[in-house]
Amino acid sequence: MFKVGIMGGTFDPIHCGHLLAAESAREACELDEVWFIPANCPPLKGGKPDADGAVRLEMVRLAIGGNPCFRAMDTELRRGGVSYSVDTAATLQQEYPDREFYYIVGSDRINDLPSWHRIEELAAIVRFIGLERPGAKPAPDGLPEYLRQRISFVEMPQIDISSTDIRRRRSEGRSIRYLVPDAVYHFMIRNGLYEA
C-alpha cells in the first residue's frame, strides 16, 4: 500500500521546522510521500491567517521544490470554511482509495487529540505519527485505547521555530534568514509579507 503522510497546518509561513518534521516522519515511518495541506481557516487558531490562502500555498510549493517525495495540496483551500482534519481525511480517502494515510502531529498536540472534531471518525481513517518536539513530551497513557493503538512516535532533531516568531521578526524588521527556505525568504521579501 502506498503510504502518505498528511502535513496539515496554517503554514503562515511554512518554515524549516515544518520541512524537518515532514522528512523525519517520512524516513522513520517509510512514507512514500508527504502531502502539505494549508488550512483555509484553522479551528484552533482564532481568526483567519495573516497571508491569503493562495500566497501560503505558493510558499509551500517554493519550500518543497526539489523534493520528489513532497507535494503541495489545495484540498482545504478549495473546500473553504473551517478546516477540520476529519473532513480532509475523508476527502482524501475518497479521492485516493489506494493510499494509506498518516496524520503527522507535533507531540505538543498529541494529548489534545481526544478534543479534535469527530476524532473517532478521523482515527478510523488515518494513523497518527507523533513527532517529539522541544519541551513537549506526550503522555499517551492518558489517551483512549483506540487512539493509543493508532499512534507511532518519531524522534526528530530538536529545532524550535514557529511561524508566529517569524511573523513577529518580520514586523520588527529583524532577519528571518535560515528560518525559512531561501526561496520562501526571497518570496516574502519581494512581496513585503508580514512587514509592519
Foldseek 3Di string as FASTA:
>chain_A
DQEEEEQEEQCLPPWPVSVQLQVQCCVVVVHQAYEYEHAQAEPVDPDGRQDHPVLRLVLVCLQCPPPPRYHYDDQNVVVDDYDAPLVSLVVCCVVCVVYAYEYEDELQCLVVQVVGDPSVSSLVRHAYEYEDEPPHHHDCVPPDPSNSVRYDYTYTPHDDADSVVVLVCQQVVHDCPNRHPPSSRVVCVVVVPSHD
